[in-house]
Amino acid sequence: MADRTGPPGTLVHVITTDPAASLDLPAWCHMTGHHYLGPVIDGDYSSAYALRLAAGARPTRTDAPWHPAQ
């Protein structure tokens, strides 16, 4: 996920089919400084998660968003 999704405070829902997302998204938020809010319970999506974008979040590489930008 790119850090250019929206201004700080923006609520983002991530919809995924990746079974590891429940572990990866909290770790990514911890690494970048965004706020992981947890799973979203919705009848239409079995794997949706919420996070809130933070001011001053640490950027990640565009080609590998699981790595901090240099």
N, C-alpha and C. Protein backbone atom coordinates (compact mmCIF):
# COMPACT_ATOMS: atom_id res chain seq x y z
N MET A 1 0.84 -1.17 0.00
CA MET A 1 0.00 0.00 0.00
C MET A 1 0.89 1.23 0.00
N ALA A 2 0.62 2.12 -0.88
CA ALA A 2 1.41 3.35 -0.97
C ALA A 2 0.99 4.32 0.13
N ASP A 3 1.90 5.16 0.55
CA ASP A 3 1.61 6.14 1.58
C ASP A 3 0.86 7.35 1.01
N ARG A 4 0.58 7.37 -0.28
CA ARG A 4 -0.09 8.49 -0.92
C ARG A 4 -1.58 8.22 -1.11
N THR A 5 -2.18 7.41 -0.25
CA THR A 5 -3.58 7.03 -0.38
C THR A 5 -4.52 8.17 -0.01
N GLY A 6 -4.13 9.01 0.90
CA GLY A 6 -4.99 10.11 1.33
C GLY A 6 -4.33 10.88 2.45
N PRO A 7 -5.00 11.93 2.92
CA PRO A 7 -4.43 12.73 3.99
C PRO A 7 -4.48 11.99 5.32
N PRO A 8 -3.68 12.45 6.29
CA PRO A 8 -3.72 11.84 7.62
C PRO A 8 -5.15 11.83 8.16
N GLY A 9 -5.49 10.73 8.81
CA GLY A 9 -6.83 10.58 9.36
C GLY A 9 -7.77 9.82 8.44
N THR A 10 -7.36 9.62 7.18
CA THR A 10 -8.20 8.90 6.23
C THR A 10 -8.38 7.45 6.69
N LEU A 11 -9.62 6.99 6.69
CA LEU A 11 -9.93 5.60 7.01
C LEU A 11 -9.82 4.79 5.72
N VAL A 12 -9.04 3.72 5.75
CA VAL A 12 -8.82 2.88 4.57
C VAL A 12 -9.30 1.47 4.89
N HIS A 13 -10.08 0.89 3.99
CA HIS A 13 -10.45 -0.52 4.09
C HIS A 13 -9.64 -1.28 3.05
N VAL A 14 -8.92 -2.30 3.50
CA VAL A 14 -8.13 -3.14 2.62
C VAL A 14 -8.88 -4.45 2.46
N ILE A 15 -9.22 -4.79 1.22
CA ILE A 15 -9.90 -6.04 0.93
C ILE A 15 -8.88 -6.95 0.27
N THR A 16 -8.74 -8.16 0.80
CA THR A 16 -7.68 -9.04 0.34
C THR A 16 -8.13 -10.49 0.31
N THR A 17 -7.45 -11.27 -0.51
CA THR A 17 -7.65 -12.73 -0.52
C THR A 17 -6.44 -13.42 0.12
N ASP A 18 -5.47 -12.63 0.55
CA ASP A 18 -4.24 -13.17 1.14
C ASP A 18 -4.51 -13.63 2.58
N PRO A 19 -4.36 -14.92 2.87
CA PRO A 19 -4.62 -15.38 4.24
C PRO A 19 -3.64 -14.83 5.27
N ALA A 20 -2.49 -14.32 4.84
CA ALA A 20 -1.50 -13.77 5.76
C ALA A 20 -1.76 -12.30 6.09
N ALA A 21 -2.77 -11.70 5.47
CA ALA A 21 -3.03 -10.27 5.68
C ALA A 21 -3.31 -9.94 7.14
N SER A 22 -3.93 -10.85 7.87
CA SER A 22 -4.23 -10.58 9.28
C SER A 22 -2.96 -10.42 10.11
N LEU A 23 -1.85 -10.94 9.63
CA LEU A 23 -0.55 -10.76 10.29
C LEU A 23 0.25 -9.65 9.63
N ASP A 24 0.20 -9.58 8.30
CA ASP A 24 1.02 -8.62 7.55
C ASP A 24 0.57 -7.18 7.74
N LEU A 25 -0.73 -6.92 7.73
CA LEU A 25 -1.20 -5.54 7.84
C LEU A 25 -0.86 -4.89 9.19
N PRO A 26 -1.05 -5.57 10.32
CA PRO A 26 -0.62 -4.95 11.58
C PRO A 26 0.89 -4.68 11.60
N ALA A 27 1.67 -5.60 11.04
CA ALA A 27 3.13 -5.41 11.01
C ALA A 27 3.50 -4.23 10.11
N TRP A 28 2.83 -4.12 8.96
CA TRP A 28 3.10 -3.01 8.05
C TRP A 28 2.74 -1.69 8.71
N CYS A 29 1.59 -1.64 9.39
CA CYS A 29 1.20 -0.42 10.09
C CYS A 29 2.20 -0.05 11.17
N HIS A 30 2.68 -1.03 11.90
CA HIS A 30 3.69 -0.77 12.92
C HIS A 30 4.96 -0.21 12.29
N MET A 31 5.37 -0.77 11.15
CA MET A 31 6.59 -0.33 10.47
C MET A 31 6.44 1.10 9.94
N THR A 32 5.28 1.44 9.42
CA THR A 32 5.10 2.74 8.78
C THR A 32 4.58 3.83 9.71
N GLY A 33 3.91 3.44 10.79
CA GLY A 33 3.34 4.42 11.70
C GLY A 33 1.86 4.64 11.51
N HIS A 34 1.25 3.95 10.53
CA HIS A 34 -0.20 4.05 10.36
C HIS A 34 -0.87 3.27 11.49
N HIS A 35 -2.17 3.44 11.66
CA HIS A 35 -2.89 2.84 12.77
C HIS A 35 -3.75 1.67 12.27
N TYR A 36 -3.43 0.47 12.70
CA TYR A 36 -4.21 -0.72 12.35
C TYR A 36 -5.43 -0.76 13.25
N LEU A 37 -6.62 -0.85 12.66
CA LEU A 37 -7.86 -0.84 13.43
C LEU A 37 -8.50 -2.21 13.55
N GLY A 38 -8.09 -3.16 12.71
CA GLY A 38 -8.58 -4.53 12.83
C GLY A 38 -9.47 -4.96 11.68
N PRO A 39 -10.00 -6.17 11.81
CA PRO A 39 -10.86 -6.70 10.74
C PRO A 39 -12.19 -5.96 10.69
N VAL A 40 -12.72 -5.89 9.49
CA VAL A 40 -14.03 -5.29 9.26
C VAL A 40 -14.99 -6.44 9.02
N ILE A 41 -16.05 -6.48 9.78
CA ILE A 41 -17.05 -7.53 9.63
C ILE A 41 -18.09 -7.02 8.63
N ASP A 42 -18.14 -7.65 7.48
CA ASP A 42 -19.05 -7.24 6.42
C ASP A 42 -19.48 -8.50 5.68
N GLY A 43 -20.75 -8.65 5.46
CA GLY A 43 -21.26 -9.83 4.79
C GLY A 43 -20.75 -10.01 3.38
N ASP A 44 -20.32 -8.91 2.73
CA ASP A 44 -19.86 -9.00 1.35
C ASP A 44 -18.40 -9.43 1.23
N TYR A 45 -17.60 -9.21 2.26
CA TYR A 45 -16.17 -9.49 2.20
C TYR A 45 -15.77 -10.34 3.39
N SER A 46 -15.05 -11.41 3.11
CA SER A 46 -14.61 -12.26 4.21
C SER A 46 -13.27 -11.80 4.78
N SER A 47 -12.51 -11.02 4.00
CA SER A 47 -11.20 -10.56 4.47
C SER A 47 -11.04 -9.08 4.17
N ALA A 48 -11.56 -8.26 5.06
CA ALA A 48 -11.41 -6.82 4.95
C ALA A 48 -10.87 -6.30 6.28
N TYR A 49 -9.98 -5.34 6.18
CA TYR A 49 -9.31 -4.79 7.36
C TYR A 49 -9.33 -3.28 7.28
N ALA A 50 -9.36 -2.62 8.43
CA ALA A 50 -9.39 -1.16 8.47
C ALA A 50 -8.09 -0.63 9.07
N LEU A 51 -7.64 0.49 8.51
CA LEU A 51 -6.51 1.22 9.07
C LEU A 51 -6.74 2.70 8.86
N ARG A 52 -6.09 3.49 9.69
CA ARG A 52 -6.21 4.94 9.59
C ARG A 52 -4.82 5.49 9.29
N LEU A 53 -4.76 6.33 8.23
CA LEU A 53 -3.48 6.91 7.82
C LEU A 53 -3.01 7.92 8.86
N ALA A 54 -1.72 7.89 9.14
CA ALA A 54 -1.13 8.74 10.16
C ALA A 54 -0.30 9.86 9.54
N ALA A 55 -0.27 10.99 10.22
CA ALA A 55 0.62 12.08 9.82
C ALA A 55 2.05 11.65 10.09
N GLY A 56 2.94 11.97 9.22
CA GLY A 56 4.35 11.66 9.43
C GLY A 56 4.68 10.19 9.29
N ALA A 57 3.83 9.42 8.61
CA ALA A 57 4.10 7.98 8.44
C ALA A 57 5.39 7.80 7.64
N ARG A 58 6.10 6.76 7.96
CA ARG A 58 7.35 6.46 7.28
C ARG A 58 7.05 5.85 5.91
N PRO A 59 7.65 6.37 4.84
CA PRO A 59 7.38 5.86 3.50
C PRO A 59 8.00 4.47 3.27
N THR A 60 7.42 3.77 2.31
CA THR A 60 7.95 2.47 1.92
C THR A 60 8.37 2.51 0.45
N ARG A 61 9.11 1.51 0.03
CA ARG A 61 9.53 1.42 -1.37
C ARG A 61 8.31 1.15 -2.24
N THR A 62 8.21 1.82 -3.38
CA THR A 62 7.08 1.58 -4.27
C THR A 62 7.14 0.20 -4.91
N ASP A 63 8.34 -0.32 -5.11
CA ASP A 63 8.48 -1.64 -5.73
C ASP A 63 8.42 -2.77 -4.69
N ALA A 64 8.50 -2.44 -3.42
CA ALA A 64 8.47 -3.44 -2.34
C ALA A 64 7.94 -2.76 -1.08
N PRO A 65 6.61 -2.59 -0.98
CA PRO A 65 6.05 -1.80 0.13
C PRO A 65 6.24 -2.39 1.51
N TRP A 66 6.81 -3.58 1.59
CA TRP A 66 7.10 -4.18 2.89
C TRP A 66 8.50 -3.80 3.37
N HIS A 67 9.19 -2.93 2.59
CA HIS A 67 10.52 -2.43 2.96
C HIS A 67 10.45 -0.92 3.13
N PRO A 68 11.08 -0.37 4.16
CA PRO A 68 11.14 1.09 4.30
C PRO A 68 11.88 1.72 3.13
N ALA A 69 11.47 2.92 2.74
CA ALA A 69 12.18 3.66 1.70
C ALA A 69 13.55 4.07 2.24
N GLN A 70 14.51 4.14 1.38
CA GLN A 70 15.87 4.51 1.78
C GLN A 70 16.01 6.02 1.79
